[in-house]
Every structure is written in structure tokens, then in C-alpha cells.
C-alpha atoms as a PDB file:
ATOM      1  CA  MET A   1     122.706 100.024  71.033  1.00  0.00           C
ATOM      2  CA  THR A   2     121.431  97.318  69.257  1.00  0.00           C
ATOM      3  CA  PHE A   3     118.204  96.376  68.311  1.00  0.00           C
ATOM      4  CA  SER A   4     117.432  93.998  70.665  1.00  0.00           C
ATOM      5  CA  GLU A   5     118.672  97.051  73.732  1.00  0.00           C
ATOM      6  CA  ASP A   6     116.900  98.810  71.735  1.00  0.00           C
ATOM      7  CA  PHE A   7     113.077  96.493  71.749  1.00  0.00           C
ATOM      8  CA  ARG A   8     113.643  95.562  75.447  1.00  0.00           C
ATOM      9  CA  PRO A   9     112.863  99.391  76.926  1.00  0.00           C
ATOM     10  CA  MET A  10     109.948  99.142  74.953  1.00  0.00           C
ATOM     11  CA  GLN A  11     108.835  96.150  75.342  1.00  0.00           C
ATOM     12  CA  ASN A  12     109.570  96.797  79.503  1.00  0.00           C
ATOM     13  CA  ILE A  13     106.900  99.451  78.428  1.00  0.00           C
ATOM     14  CA  LYS A  14     104.540  97.211  76.838  1.00  0.00           C
ATOM     15  CA  PHE A  15     104.128  95.200  80.325  1.00  0.00           C
ATOM     16  CA  ILE A  16     103.909  97.752  82.463  1.00  0.00           C
ATOM     17  CA  ILE A  17     101.008  99.513  80.427  1.00  0.00           C
ATOM     18  CA  LEU A  18      99.649  95.711  80.226  1.00  0.00           C
ATOM     19  CA  PHE A  19     100.019  95.345  83.901  1.00  0.00           C
ATOM     20  CA  PHE A  20      98.790  98.344  85.158  1.00  0.00           C
ATOM     21  CA  PHE A  21      95.095  97.129  82.855  1.00  0.00           C
ATOM     22  CA  CYS A  22      95.089  94.316  84.901  1.00  0.00           C
ATOM     23  CA  ALA A  23      96.297  95.654  88.856  1.00  0.00           C
ATOM     24  CA  PHE A  24      93.839  98.651  88.214  1.00  0.00           C
ATOM     25  CA  GLY A  25      90.674  96.900  85.985  1.00  0.00           C
ATOM     26  CA  ALA A  26      89.569  97.689  83.367  1.00  0.00           C
ATOM     27  CA  GLN A  27      89.052 101.768  84.380  1.00  0.00           C
ATOM     28  CA  SER A  28      92.766 101.770  83.654  1.00  0.00           C
ATOM     29  CA  GLN A  29      92.642 101.527  79.720  1.00  0.00           C
ATOM     30  CA  SER A  30      91.815 105.710  81.034  1.00  0.00           C
ATOM     31  CA  LEU A  31      94.793 106.140  82.107  1.00  0.00           C
ATOM     32  CA  HIS A  32      96.771 108.341  80.409  1.00  0.00           C
ATOM     33  CA  THR A  33     100.444 107.792  79.785  1.00  0.00           C
ATOM     34  CA  PRO A  34     103.465 110.292  79.623  1.00  0.00           C
ATOM     35  CA  SER A  35     102.647 111.238  75.854  1.00  0.00           C
ATOM     36  CA  GLU A  36      98.972 111.779  76.147  1.00  0.00           C
ATOM     37  CA  ILE A  37      99.671 114.188  78.844  1.00  0.00           C
ATOM     38  CA  GLN A  38     101.733 116.236  77.042  1.00  0.00           C
ATOM     39  CA  ASN A  39      99.045 116.843  73.807  1.00  0.00           C
ATOM     40  CA  ILE A  40      96.436 117.900  77.110  1.00  0.00           C
ATOM     41  CA  VAL A  41      99.439 120.065  77.874  1.00  0.00           C
ATOM     42  CA  LYS A  42      99.695 121.189  74.070  1.00  0.00           C
ATOM     43  CA  ASN A  43      96.057 121.691  73.118  1.00  0.00           C
ATOM     44  CA  SER A  44      95.269 123.219  76.942  1.00  0.00           C
ATOM     45  CA  ILE A  45      93.667 126.960  77.530  1.00  0.00           C
ATOM     46  CA  ARG A  46      96.121 127.243  80.126  1.00  0.00           C
ATOM     47  CA  THR A  47      99.707 127.783  79.628  1.00  0.00           C
ATOM     48  CA  TYR A  48     102.012 125.622  81.441  1.00  0.00           C
ATOM     49  CA  VAL A  49     105.594 126.389  81.474  1.00  0.00           C
ATOM     50  CA  PHE A  50     107.986 123.797  82.495  1.00  0.00           C
ATOM     51  CA  ASP A  51     111.656 125.137  85.033  1.00  0.00           C
ATOM     52  CA  THR A  52     114.352 123.013  86.150  1.00  0.00           C
ATOM     53  CA  LEU A  53     113.639 122.377  90.105  1.00  0.00           C
ATOM     54  CA  THR A  54     117.042 123.736  91.581  1.00  0.00           C
ATOM     55  CA  VAL A  55     115.599 124.180  95.678  1.00  0.00           C
ATOM     56  CA  LEU A  56     113.857 121.923  97.055  1.00  0.00           C
ATOM     57  CA  PRO A  57     110.808 123.314  98.272  1.00  0.00           C
ATOM     58  CA  ALA A  58     110.231 122.569 102.158  1.00  0.00           C
ATOM     59  CA  PRO A  59     108.638 119.852 103.264  1.00  0.00           C
ATOM     60  CA  SER A  60     105.531 119.648 105.217  1.00  0.00           C
ATOM     61  CA  PRO A  61     106.762 118.524 109.022  1.00  0.00           C
ATOM     62  CA  PRO A  62     104.483 115.326 108.929  1.00  0.00           C
ATOM     63  CA  ILE A  63     102.473 114.011 111.214  1.00  0.00           C
ATOM     64  CA  ILE A  64     103.087 111.896 114.297  1.00  0.00           C
ATOM     65  CA  ILE A  65     100.501 110.603 116.776  1.00  0.00           C
ATOM     66  CA  ASN A  66     102.194 110.216 119.971  1.00  0.00           C
ATOM     67  CA  LYS A  67     104.042 113.263 119.238  1.00  0.00           C
ATOM     68  CA  ILE A  68     105.747 111.802 123.385  1.00  0.00           C
ATOM     69  CA  LEU A  69     105.419 109.200 123.687  1.00  0.00           C
ATOM     70  CA  ASP A  70     103.205 108.707 127.099  1.00  0.00           C
ATOM     71  CA  PHE A  71     105.042 105.910 128.533  1.00  0.00           C
ATOM     72  CA  SER A  72     108.552 108.281 128.730  1.00  0.00           C
ATOM     73  CA  ILE A  73     107.785 109.217 131.931  1.00  0.00           C
ATOM     74  CA  SER A  74     110.123 112.018 132.930  1.00  0.00           C
ATOM     75  CA  GLN A  75     111.995 111.282 136.826  1.00  0.00           C
ATOM     76  CA  LYS A  76     110.748 114.741 137.970  1.00  0.00           C
ATOM     77  CA  ASN A  77     106.968 114.806 135.908  1.00  0.00           C
ATOM     78  CA  ASN A  78     105.662 111.500 137.457  1.00  0.00           C
ATOM     79  CA  PHE A  79     102.530 113.013 139.043  1.00  0.00           C
ATOM     80  CA  VAL A  80      99.807 111.173 139.073  1.00  0.00           C
ATOM     81  CA  ASP A  81      96.214 113.471 139.627  1.00  0.00           C
ATOM     82  CA  LEU A  82      94.324 111.494 142.078  1.00  0.00           C
ATOM     83  CA  SER A  83      92.315 114.720 143.498  1.00  0.00           C
ATOM     84  CA  GLY A  84      89.139 112.770 141.767  1.00  0.00           C
ATOM     85  CA  TYR A  85      89.066 109.860 144.485  1.00  0.00           C
ATOM     86  CA  ARG A  86      88.799 110.048 148.169  1.00  0.00           C
ATOM     87  CA  LEU A  87      92.038 109.328 149.748  1.00  0.00           C
ATOM     88  CA  ARG A  88      92.855 108.697 153.146  1.00  0.00           C
ATOM     89  CA  LYS A  89      95.885 110.981 155.138  1.00  0.00           C
ATOM     90  CA  LYS A  90      97.611 107.353 154.921  1.00  0.00           C
ATOM     91  CA  ALA A  91      97.483 106.998 150.997  1.00  0.00           C
ATOM     92  CA  LYS A  92      97.924 110.729 150.861  1.00  0.00           C
ATOM     93  CA  LYS A  93     101.613 110.026 152.302  1.00  0.00           C
ATOM     94  CA  SER A  94     101.948 106.896 150.151  1.00  0.00           C
ATOM     95  CA  LEU A  95     101.824 108.782 147.346  1.00  0.00           C
ATOM     96  CA  LYS A  96     103.839 111.478 147.891  1.00  0.00           C
ATOM     97  CA  LYS A  97     106.557 109.143 149.533  1.00  0.00           C
ATOM     98  CA  ALA A  98     105.691 106.945 146.134  1.00  0.00           C
ATOM     99  CA  ASN A  99     106.887 110.426 143.784  1.00  0.00           C
ATOM    100  CA  ASN A 100     109.930 110.640 145.880  1.00  0.00           C
ATOM    101  CA  TYR A 101     111.129 107.083 145.729  1.00  0.00           C
ATOM    102  CA  PHE A 102     110.685 107.564 141.356  1.00  0.00           C
ATOM    103  CA  SER A 103     112.692 110.279 141.352  1.00  0.00           C
ATOM    104  CA  ALA A 104     115.643 109.507 143.839  1.00  0.00           C
ATOM    105  CA  GLY A 105     115.725 105.436 140.942  1.00  0.00           C
ATOM    106  CA  LYS A 106     114.264 103.571 143.812  1.00  0.00           C
ATOM    107  CA  TYR A 107     112.014 102.099 142.183  1.00  0.00           C
ATOM    108  CA  SER A 108     111.012  98.978 143.693  1.00  0.00           C
ATOM    109  CA  LYS A 109     110.042 101.146 146.557  1.00  0.00           C
ATOM    110  CA  ALA A 110     107.841 103.897 144.554  1.00  0.00           C
ATOM    111  CA  PHE A 111     105.859 100.020 142.832  1.00  0.00           C
ATOM    112  CA  ASP A 112     104.926  98.718 145.632  1.00  0.00           C
ATOM    113  CA  LEU A 113     102.906 101.873 146.921  1.00  0.00           C
ATOM    114  CA  TYR A 114     102.158 102.783 143.395  1.00  0.00           C
ATOM    115  CA  ARG A 115     100.523  99.459 143.308  1.00  0.00           C
ATOM    116  CA  SER A 116      98.607  99.637 146.450  1.00  0.00           C
ATOM    117  CA  LEU A 117      97.469 103.154 145.373  1.00  0.00           C
ATOM    118  CA  TYR A 118      96.156 101.567 142.117  1.00  0.00           C
ATOM    119  CA  GLU A 119      94.055  98.404 144.926  1.00  0.00           C
ATOM    120  CA  ALA A 120      92.720 100.741 146.378  1.00  0.00           C
ATOM    121  CA  THR A 121      91.588 103.299 144.122  1.00  0.00           C
ATOM    122  CA  LYS A 122      91.480 101.245 140.959  1.00  0.00           C
ATOM    123  CA  ALA A 123      92.391 104.527 138.882  1.00  0.00           C
ATOM    124  CA  SER A 124      93.228 103.550 135.328  1.00  0.00           C
ATOM    125  CA  LYS A 125      95.539 106.258 134.741  1.00  0.00           C
ATOM    126  CA  MET A 126      97.909 104.639 137.028  1.00  0.00           C
ATOM    127  CA  LEU A 127      98.314 101.951 134.587  1.00  0.00           C
ATOM    128  CA  PRO A 128     101.294 103.531 132.518  1.00  0.00           C
ATOM    129  CA  LEU A 129     103.011 104.295 135.854  1.00  0.00           C
ATOM    130  CA  LEU A 130     102.845 101.122 137.489  1.00  0.00           C
ATOM    131  CA  ALA A 131     103.907  99.351 133.849  1.00  0.00           C
ATOM    132  CA  HIS A 132     106.972 102.119 133.231  1.00  0.00           C
ATOM    133  CA  CYS A 133     107.243 102.110 136.648  1.00  0.00           C
ATOM    134  CA  ALA A 134     107.631  98.019 137.605  1.00  0.00           C
ATOM    135  CA  ASN A 135     110.079  97.879 133.591  1.00  0.00           C
ATOM    136  CA  LEU A 136     112.436 101.043 135.391  1.00  0.00           C
ATOM    137  CA  ALA A 137     112.796  97.800 138.494  1.00  0.00           C
ATOM    138  CA  ASN A 138     113.554  95.119 135.976  1.00  0.00           C
ATOM    139  CA  ASN A 139     110.259  93.426 136.776  1.00  0.00           C
ATOM    140  CA  THR A 140     109.682  92.370 132.923  1.00  0.00           C
ATOM    141  CA  GLU A 141     106.479  90.479 133.734  1.00  0.00           C
ATOM    142  CA  VAL A 142     105.058  92.918 135.940  1.00  0.00           C
ATOM    143  CA  SER A 143     105.349  95.451 133.299  1.00  0.00           C
ATOM    144  CA  LEU A 144     104.016  93.634 130.211  1.00  0.00           C
ATOM    145  CA  ASP A 145     100.864  92.621 133.065  1.00  0.00           C
ATOM    146  CA  TYR A 146     100.324  96.181 132.959  1.00  0.00           C
ATOM    147  CA  TYR A 147     100.658  97.171 129.922  1.00  0.00           C
ATOM    148  CA  ASN A 148      99.039  94.651 128.130  1.00  0.00           C
ATOM    149  CA  LYS A 149      95.619  95.856 130.150  1.00  0.00           C
ATOM    150  CA  LEU A 150      96.053  98.862 128.937  1.00  0.00           C
ATOM    151  CA  LEU A 151      96.799  97.392 125.997  1.00  0.00           C
ATOM    152  CA  LEU A 152      93.032  95.922 126.345  1.00  0.00           C
ATOM    153  CA  LEU A 153      90.864  99.463 127.235  1.00  0.00           C
ATOM    154  CA  SER A 154      92.955 100.653 123.958  1.00  0.00           C
ATOM    155  CA  PRO A 155      93.826  97.786 121.380  1.00  0.00           C
ATOM    156  CA  LYS A 156      95.186 100.202 118.491  1.00  0.00           C
ATOM    157  CA  LYS A 157      97.892 102.318 120.818  1.00  0.00           C
ATOM    158  CA  SER A 158     100.581 102.955 119.383  1.00  0.00           C
ATOM    159  CA  ASP A 159     102.593 103.877 122.365  1.00  0.00           C
ATOM    160  CA  ILE A 160     101.352 100.977 124.364  1.00  0.00           C
ATOM    161  CA  LEU A 161     102.466  98.628 121.551  1.00  0.00           C
ATOM    162  CA  PHE A 162     105.769 100.481 121.227  1.00  0.00           C
ATOM    163  CA  GLU A 163     106.946  99.618 124.688  1.00  0.00           C
ATOM    164  CA  ILE A 164     105.584  96.207 124.581  1.00  0.00           C
ATOM    165  CA  ALA A 165     107.556  95.267 121.793  1.00  0.00           C
ATOM    166  CA  ASN A 166     110.627  97.486 123.499  1.00  0.00           C
ATOM    167  CA  ILE A 167     110.256  95.646 126.423  1.00  0.00           C
ATOM    168  CA  GLN A 168     109.899  92.038 124.697  1.00  0.00           C
ATOM    169  CA  HIS A 169     112.677  92.520 122.429  1.00  0.00           C
ATOM    170  CA  LYS A 170     114.737  92.445 125.492  1.00  0.00           C
ATOM    171  CA  ALA A 171     113.731  90.285 127.099  1.00  0.00           C
ATOM    172  CA  GLY A 172     114.672  88.424 124.042  1.00  0.00           C
ATOM    173  CA  ASN A 173     111.124  87.410 122.977  1.00  0.00           C
ATOM    174  CA  ILE A 174     112.089  88.533 119.332  1.00  0.00           C
ATOM    175  CA  ASN A 175     109.272  87.553 117.079  1.00  0.00           C
ATOM    176  CA  LEU A 176     106.717  88.754 119.971  1.00  0.00           C
ATOM    177  CA  ALA A 177     108.157  91.882 120.364  1.00  0.00           C
ATOM    178  CA  PHE A 178     108.788  92.209 116.168  1.00  0.00           C
ATOM    179  CA  ARG A 179     105.162  91.276 115.947  1.00  0.00           C
ATOM    180  CA  ASN A 180     104.059  94.697 118.259  1.00  0.00           C
ATOM    181  CA  ILE A 181     106.387  96.787 116.678  1.00  0.00           C
ATOM    182  CA  ASN A 182     105.200  96.651 113.312  1.00  0.00           C
ATOM    183  CA  LEU A 183     101.889  97.201 114.767  1.00  0.00           C
ATOM    184  CA  ALA A 184     102.970 100.127 116.118  1.00  0.00           C
ATOM    185  CA  HIS A 185     104.498 101.412 113.643  1.00  0.00           C
ATOM    186  CA  LEU A 186     101.985 100.954 111.304  1.00  0.00           C
ATOM    187  CA  TYR A 187      99.695 102.503 113.992  1.00  0.00           C
ATOM    188  CA  ASP A 188     101.961 105.722 114.026  1.00  0.00           C
ATOM    189  CA  ARG A 189     104.090 105.481 110.698  1.00  0.00           C
ATOM    190  CA  ASN A 190     105.475 108.762 111.021  1.00  0.00           C
ATOM    191  CA  ASN A 191     107.210 108.436 114.129  1.00  0.00           C
ATOM    192  CA  PRO A 192     111.143 108.198 114.122  1.00  0.00           C
ATOM    193  CA  VAL A 193     110.853 106.958 117.824  1.00  0.00           C
ATOM    194  CA  ILE A 194     109.402 103.775 116.770  1.00  0.00           C
ATOM    195  CA  LEU A 195     111.087 103.321 113.544  1.00  0.00           C
ATOM    196  CA  ASP A 196     114.284 103.428 115.747  1.00  0.00           C
ATOM    197  CA  SER A 197     113.358 100.182 117.378  1.00  0.00           C
ATOM    198  CA  LEU A 198     111.074  98.922 113.821  1.00  0.00           C
ATOM    199  CA  ILE A 199     114.910  98.994 112.588  1.00  0.00           C
ATOM    200  CA  SER A 200     116.528  97.505 115.288  1.00  0.00           C
ATOM    201  CA  ILE A 201     113.492  94.565 116.040  1.00  0.00           C
ATOM    202  CA  TYR A 202     114.224  93.728 112.550  1.00  0.00           C
ATOM    203  CA  ARG A 203     118.329  94.032 112.774  1.00  0.00           C
ATOM    204  CA  SER A 204     117.780  90.860 116.139  1.00  0.00           C
ATOM    205  CA  LYS A 205     115.702  88.908 113.193  1.00  0.00           C
ATOM    206  CA  GLY A 206     118.341  89.259 110.127  1.00  0.00           C
ATOM    207  CA  PHE A 207     116.265  91.895 108.569  1.00  0.00           C
ATOM    208  CA  VAL A 208     117.339  95.485 106.778  1.00  0.00           C
ATOM    209  CA  TYR A 209     114.551  97.408 106.320  1.00  0.00           C
ATOM    210  CA  GLN A 210     114.989 100.414 103.947  1.00  0.00           C
ATOM    211  CA  ASN A 211     114.730 103.288 104.972  1.00  0.00           C
ATOM    212  CA  ILE A 212     113.625 105.585 102.302  1.00  0.00           C
ATOM    213  CA  ASN A 213     110.559 107.646 101.859  1.00  0.00           C
ATOM    214  CA  PHE A 214     108.391 108.411  98.961  1.00  0.00           C
ATOM    215  CA  GLU A 215     109.265 111.848  97.987  1.00  0.00           C
ATOM    216  CA  PRO A 216     108.338 112.931  94.390  1.00  0.00           C
ATOM    217  CA  LYS A 217     110.997 115.834  93.654  1.00  0.00           C
ATOM    218  CA  TYR A 218     108.468 118.523  91.843  1.00  0.00           C
ATOM    219  CA  GLN A 219     107.017 121.800  92.885  1.00  0.00           C
ATOM    220  CA  LEU A 220     103.753 123.336  90.986  1.00  0.00           C
ATOM    221  CA  TYR A 221     102.603 126.882  91.743  1.00  0.00           C
ATOM    222  CA  GLU A 222     100.583 129.606  89.432  1.00  0.00           C
ATOM    223  CA  THR A 223     101.704 132.956  88.521  1.00  0.00           C
ATOM    224  CA  ALA A 224     100.014 136.237  88.211  1.00  0.00           C
ATOM    225  CA  ASP A 225      98.881 136.329  84.951  1.00  0.00           C
ATOM    226  CA  SER A 226      97.574 132.210  85.830  1.00  0.00           C
ATOM    227  CA  ASN A 227     100.327 130.669  84.194  1.00  0.00           C
ATOM    228  CA  VAL A 228     100.615 127.184  85.819  1.00  0.00           C
ATOM    229  CA  VAL A 229     104.649 126.971  86.703  1.00  0.00           C
ATOM    230  CA  ILE A 230     106.040 122.896  86.505  1.00  0.00           C
ATOM    231  CA  LYS A 231     109.853 122.493  88.337  1.00  0.00           C
ATOM    232  CA  SER A 232     110.888 118.869  88.613  1.00  0.00           C
ATOM    233  CA  ALA A 233     114.697 117.511  89.180  1.00  0.00           C
ATOM    234  CA  ASP A 234     114.059 114.469  86.174  1.00  0.00           C
ATOM    235  CA  VAL A 235     112.404 113.748  84.508  1.00  0.00           C
ATOM    236  CA  PRO A 236     110.393 111.131  86.493  1.00  0.00           C
ATOM    237  CA  TRP A 237     109.533 113.665  88.657  1.00  0.00           C
ATOM    238  CA  LYS A 238     108.701 115.582  85.583  1.00  0.00           C
ATOM    239  CA  SER A 239     105.955 112.845  83.981  1.00  0.00           C
ATOM    240  CA  TYR A 240     104.398 112.631  87.765  1.00  0.00           C
ATOM    241  CA  ALA A 241     104.459 116.868  88.114  1.00  0.00           C
ATOM    242  CA  THR A 242     103.173 117.521  84.746  1.00  0.00           C
ATOM    243  CA  CYS A 243     100.264 114.776  86.018  1.00  0.00           C
ATOM    244  CA  LYS A 244      99.333 115.801  88.725  1.00  0.00           C
ATOM    245  CA  ALA A 245      99.481 119.730  87.155  1.00  0.00           C
ATOM    246  CA  VAL A 246      96.701 118.765  85.052  1.00  0.00           C
ATOM    247  CA  TRP A 247      94.566 117.176  87.236  1.00  0.00           C
ATOM    248  CA  ALA A 248      94.570 120.240  89.632  1.00  0.00           C
ATOM    249  CA  HIS A 249      94.941 122.667  86.836  1.00  0.00           C
ATOM    250  CA  GLU A 250      93.439 121.573  84.274  1.00  0.00           C
ATOM    251  CA  PRO A 251      89.663 122.678  83.391  1.00  0.00           C
ATOM    252  CA  ASN A 252      87.071 120.086  84.447  1.00  0.00           C
ATOM    253  CA  TYR A 253      89.922 117.463  84.401  1.00  0.00           C
ATOM    254  CA  LYS A 254      89.448 116.179  87.267  1.00  0.00           C
ATOM    255  CA  PHE A 255      85.566 115.561  86.836  1.00  0.00           C
ATOM    256  CA  LYS A 256      86.038 113.376  84.132  1.00  0.00           C
ATOM    257  CA  MET A 257      88.020 111.680  85.511  1.00  0.00           C
ATOM    258  CA  LYS A 258      85.994 110.730  88.557  1.00  0.00           C
ATOM    259  CA  PHE A 259      83.632 108.589  86.808  1.00  0.00           C
ATOM    260  CA  ILE A 260      86.027 105.753  84.998  1.00  0.00           C
ATOM    261  CA  SER A 261      86.099 104.538  88.524  1.00  0.00           C
ATOM    262  CA  THR A 262      84.123 103.790  91.415  1.00  0.00           C
ATOM    263  CA  ALA A 263      87.521 104.009  93.699  1.00  0.00           C
ATOM    264  CA  ASP A 264      88.344 107.608  95.433  1.00  0.00           C
ATOM    265  CA  VAL A 265      88.830 110.139  92.839  1.00  0.00           C
ATOM    266  CA  GLY A 266      92.032 110.961  94.579  1.00  0.00           C
ATOM    267  CA  ILE A 267      93.173 107.064  93.814  1.00  0.00           C
ATOM    268  CA  VAL A 268      92.361 107.242  90.716  1.00  0.00           C
ATOM    269  CA  GLU A 269      94.637 110.230  90.449  1.00  0.00           C
ATOM    270  CA  GLU A 270      97.771 108.483  92.483  1.00  0.00           C
ATOM    271  CA  LYS A 271      97.002 105.656  89.728  1.00  0.00           C
ATOM    272  CA  GLU A 272      97.787 107.609  86.904  1.00  0.00           C
ATOM    273  CA  CYS A 273     100.295 109.914  88.284  1.00  0.00           C
ATOM    274  CA  LEU A 274     102.010 106.918  89.149  1.00  0.00           C
ATOM    275  CA  LEU A 275     101.790 105.249  85.723  1.00  0.00           C
ATOM    276  CA  ASN A 276     103.253 108.377  84.308  1.00  0.00           C
ATOM    277  CA  ALA A 277     106.301 108.641  86.795  1.00  0.00           C
ATOM    278  CA  LEU A 278     107.270 104.730  85.976  1.00  0.00           C
ATOM    279  CA  LEU A 279     107.381 104.893  82.798  1.00  0.00           C
ATOM    280  CA  SER A 280     109.085 107.455  81.958  1.00  0.00           C
ATOM    281  CA  PHE A 281     111.366 105.827  84.646  1.00  0.00           C
ATOM    282  CA  GLU A 282     111.447 101.961  82.276  1.00  0.00           C
ATOM    283  CA  ARG A 283     112.740 105.114  79.754  1.00  0.00           C
ATOM    284  CA  LEU A 284     115.823 105.795  82.051  1.00  0.00           C
ATOM    285  CA  THR A 285     119.092 103.716  80.132  1.00  0.00           C
ATOM    286  CA  GLU A 286     121.020 104.543  83.584  1.00  0.00           C
ATOM    287  CA  GLY A 287     120.508 105.874  87.064  1.00  0.00           C
ATOM    288  CA  LYS A 288     117.382 103.481  88.030  1.00  0.00           C
ATOM    289  CA  SER A 289     119.014 102.884  90.932  1.00  0.00           C
ATOM    290  CA  ASN A 290     118.787 106.964  91.780  1.00  0.00           C
ATOM    291  CA  TYR A 291     114.730 105.970  92.381  1.00  0.00           C
ATOM    292  CA  PRO A 292     114.324 103.056  95.059  1.00  0.00           C
ATOM    293  CA  MET A 293     110.818 103.879  95.453  1.00  0.00           C
ATOM    294  CA  LEU A 294     109.832 103.645  91.520  1.00  0.00           C
ATOM    295  CA  GLU A 295     111.879 100.614  91.729  1.00  0.00           C
ATOM    296  CA  ILE A 296     109.105  99.208  94.840  1.00  0.00           C
ATOM    297  CA  LEU A 297     106.459 100.725  92.537  1.00  0.00           C
ATOM    298  CA  SER A 298     108.223  98.283  89.700  1.00  0.00           C
ATOM    299  CA  SER A 299     108.484  95.008  91.254  1.00  0.00           C
ATOM    300  CA  VAL A 300     104.767  95.519  92.892  1.00  0.00           C
ATOM    301  CA  LEU A 301     102.953  96.517  89.896  1.00  0.00           C
ATOM    302  CA  PRO A 302     102.938  92.068  88.603  1.00  0.00           C
ATOM    303  CA  GLU A 303     101.556  91.571  91.616  1.00  0.00           C
ATOM    304  CA  LYS A 304      98.712  93.751  91.556  1.00  0.00           C
ATOM    305  CA  ARG A 305     100.083  95.182  95.076  1.00  0.00           C
ATOM    306  CA  ILE A 306      99.787  98.915  93.543  1.00  0.00           C
ATOM    307  CA  ASP A 307      96.293  99.670  96.473  1.00  0.00           C
ATOM    308  CA  ASP A 308      99.561  98.303  98.915  1.00  0.00           C
ATOM    309  CA  PHE A 309     102.205 100.613  97.935  1.00  0.00           C
ATOM    310  CA  ILE A 310      99.846 103.404  98.050  1.00  0.00           C
ATOM    311  CA  LEU A 311      98.342 102.947 101.179  1.00  0.00           C
ATOM    312  CA  TYR A 312     101.864 102.244 102.810  1.00  0.00           C
ATOM    313  CA  GLU A 313     104.129 104.593 100.731  1.00  0.00           C
ATOM    314  CA  MET A 314     101.419 107.658 101.239  1.00  0.00           C
ATOM    315  CA  THR A 315      98.737 107.622 102.544  1.00  0.00           C
ATOM    316  CA  SER A 316      99.502 106.702 105.799  1.00  0.00           C
ATOM    317  CA  LYS A 317     101.968 109.179 105.913  1.00  0.00           C
ATOM    318  CA  LYS A 318     100.121 111.771 104.808  1.00  0.00           C
ATOM    319  CA  HIS A 319      96.938 110.673 107.108  1.00  0.00           C
ATOM    320  CA  PRO A 320      98.115 108.383 109.409  1.00  0.00           C
ATOM    321  CA  VAL A 321      95.267 107.926 111.650  1.00  0.00           C
ATOM    322  CA  ILE A 322      93.035 106.214 108.430  1.00  0.00           C
ATOM    323  CA  VAL A 323      95.451 103.111 109.138  1.00  0.00           C
ATOM    324  CA  GLU A 324      93.413 102.485 112.424  1.00  0.00           C
ATOM    325  CA  ARG A 325      90.825 101.975 110.507  1.00  0.00           C
ATOM    326  CA  LEU A 326      92.170  99.321 108.682  1.00  0.00           C
ATOM    327  CA  SER A 327      90.200  95.856 109.119  1.00  0.00           C
ATOM    328  CA  ASP A 328      93.076  93.275 110.745  1.00  0.00           C
ATOM    329  CA  MET A 329      93.412  91.162 107.338  1.00  0.00           C
ATOM    330  CA  ARG A 330      94.167  95.042 105.636  1.00  0.00           C
ATOM    331  CA  ILE A 331      96.911  95.368 108.723  1.00  0.00           C
ATOM    332  CA  GLU A 332      98.113  92.083 107.750  1.00  0.00           C
ATOM    333  CA  GLN A 333      98.583  92.365 104.277  1.00  0.00           C
ATOM    334  CA  LEU A 334     100.173  95.899 105.508  1.00  0.00           C
ATOM    335  CA  ILE A 335     103.074  94.223 107.480  1.00  0.00           C
ATOM    336  CA  ASP A 336     103.855  91.281 104.466  1.00  0.00           C
ATOM    337  CA  TYR A 337     103.987  94.220 102.035  1.00  0.00           C
ATOM    338  CA  ILE A 338     106.594  95.874 104.346  1.00  0.00           C
ATOM    339  CA  MET A 339     108.100  91.963 103.912  1.00  0.00           C
ATOM    340  CA  THR A 340     108.234  91.376 100.099  1.00  0.00           C
ATOM    341  CA  TYR A 341     109.857  95.070  99.857  1.00  0.00           C
ATOM    342  CA  ARG A 342     110.992  97.729 102.010  1.00  0.00           C
ATOM    343  CA  VAL A 343     112.957  94.533 103.525  1.00  0.00           C
ATOM    344  CA  THR A 344     116.527  93.057 102.981  1.00  0.00           C
ATOM    345  CA  VAL A 345     118.188  90.017 104.757  1.00  0.00           C
ATOM    346  CA  GLN A 346     121.012  91.068 106.324  1.00  0.00           C
ATOM    347  CA  VAL A 347     124.175  90.092 105.212  1.00  0.00           C
ATOM    348  CA  ASN A 348     127.254  89.737 107.793  1.00  0.00           C
END
């Protein structure tokens, strides 16, 4: 290796540390690098044991807000409980007849009867069935009208946005579908059904969504004699895991670190552990393509979008409901993050 080749990784690392200072503010100067974390481990009163991770621990099942989409109505399970409404005998017969039509696949006839019942009762619980039934009857405009009424009642409901996006996609309104599927995805970050539709709609716009996840390969646990065992698959995740171990097990470490920033201490922890993983990643001389998430992290750093990385790749996956609390501006930033760092142009 020539001097210039040897110097380049060190130069990149200096740039990373500089970018961390800029991206995180003055408090980032209190974040520790891998060598500093190793010194903390070495000088600790705790005993840390390093080992190779050969079998990945089973991941926790992801939190899915709508495990079964509300509007995926079974052909034989379409009953709407209107017992709280005073239905005339004729209306009760109409409801039974509509259900029979629906089960038989006669959606236009079923829809007409359902709509008459809705107009008589104004029962909002009928809106999902009306929207779904109209869609099955290929009455796109009417279906969208009912879904939009539902959206007014629940503007951040992922399943409503999902259905609207799929209908718009089917009708060829790709830009509108693109907008709504992005929102549906963000409001139910781990839903695989919504993600499949997002991938399909992106493809219609000529984009390829990189379906990858931030999944550090490590395991931490304490032994019976209180040793801290750190198992990791490779170097970048070893650095990440060691930093996590220090945060979890080093006496008073978390308490001291919470004073370096006004940000939530959990965010400070993630930033320090990401810094450790990224610095080790940049020292690699080969195999960087095996760490696509760290490549993305390296790209977002100069643009000061670490917070977007943490929010989209980490926080929203662990706590998907948090996205509903974000401002419209923050949602737009996340959509821009997806388009900037998670999407490539489709090559025909």
C-alpha cells in the first residue's frame, strides 16, 4: 500500500469526526471514538468478555399498527352491526339481502343497498364497507369519495391511505398514489403489506426502493458472575456493540453522558454508537458493500441528516406510533430522506 492509499482512510476518518461535530453540535466533542470506548472497557471495574457471534439472536417481532388491514373484508365476514340503530323491518331485510349479494360477489347490487342503509342511518361504521364494496364493483370515483370521507375522520390512518393509494395506482394516478403510499408507509412503518405496495408504486414511477434494514449483528448479556459478554459478527458491529455495552453496563456512564446535550439521552447514545460503527466501517479496506446501512449513514453525515437516519431507520421501526405525532414539515423531511437515500433510479 502506498503512502497516499494509507493516508486516505485516515483522512476520511478525520472528516467523519469533523462532520459529527458539525452535525451534532458542540456536544459531539464529548462523544467517544472506538479507541476511547476500548480504554473505558479496559480500565473498567467491570469485566468485559469479547466473543464471535456465530448464531444471530432471534429478532423481536416488529410492531405493526394494523396487522390486518381494516378494509380487507372477508367475503363471508362483512357483517356491520347496526343493532344500535332503529331499523325498520324492511331495512333489516335490505341489510340481509345486501350481505348475501356481497357474499355472492354481486357488488353493485350490494353497494346500492348498503348506500340506502347508510343514507337512512348515517352510521359512519358503514363507510369502510361502502368504500370497499364500491371498489370491488369497479366504481373507482365513488370508492375514493367514501375513503376520503374516512380520511377526514382519521387523517393519519395508514390503512385508509393504503387503500386510496392502491386505487389511485390502479387508475393510473401515479403521483397521487405515490404521495399517499409514502404517508401510509410512514404511519405504519413495519407493515409488510403496505411496503409491498410502496415498492410497486415506486416501480411505476421508475424508482427502486432499497428494501434493507438497520440490523446491527451483536448480542450482549451478563454471566452469572456479572461479566459482560459482547458477541459480534464483525468489526463495525463490534464497535457498535462495545459502545452499547458501555452505555448499558458501565457504572454511571449514562448518567454522565446525559449532561452533554439537551437532546434525549437515548439519542445521544445512538449517535455515539453510530459514530463508533461508522469509524470502524471507514477503516475497512474491503467489503464495505456488505454494510449498506453504514454506507447510507456515511452519505447522510455530510448533509447533517443523522436525525433523519435515526428517526426513519431506527426509532420509527421500534416505536412506529411516534410518526403520528410528527409535524407535517417533519413528515416531508422523512419522505425526502427516503427519496434521497433509499431509492435508486430503475434501470430498464
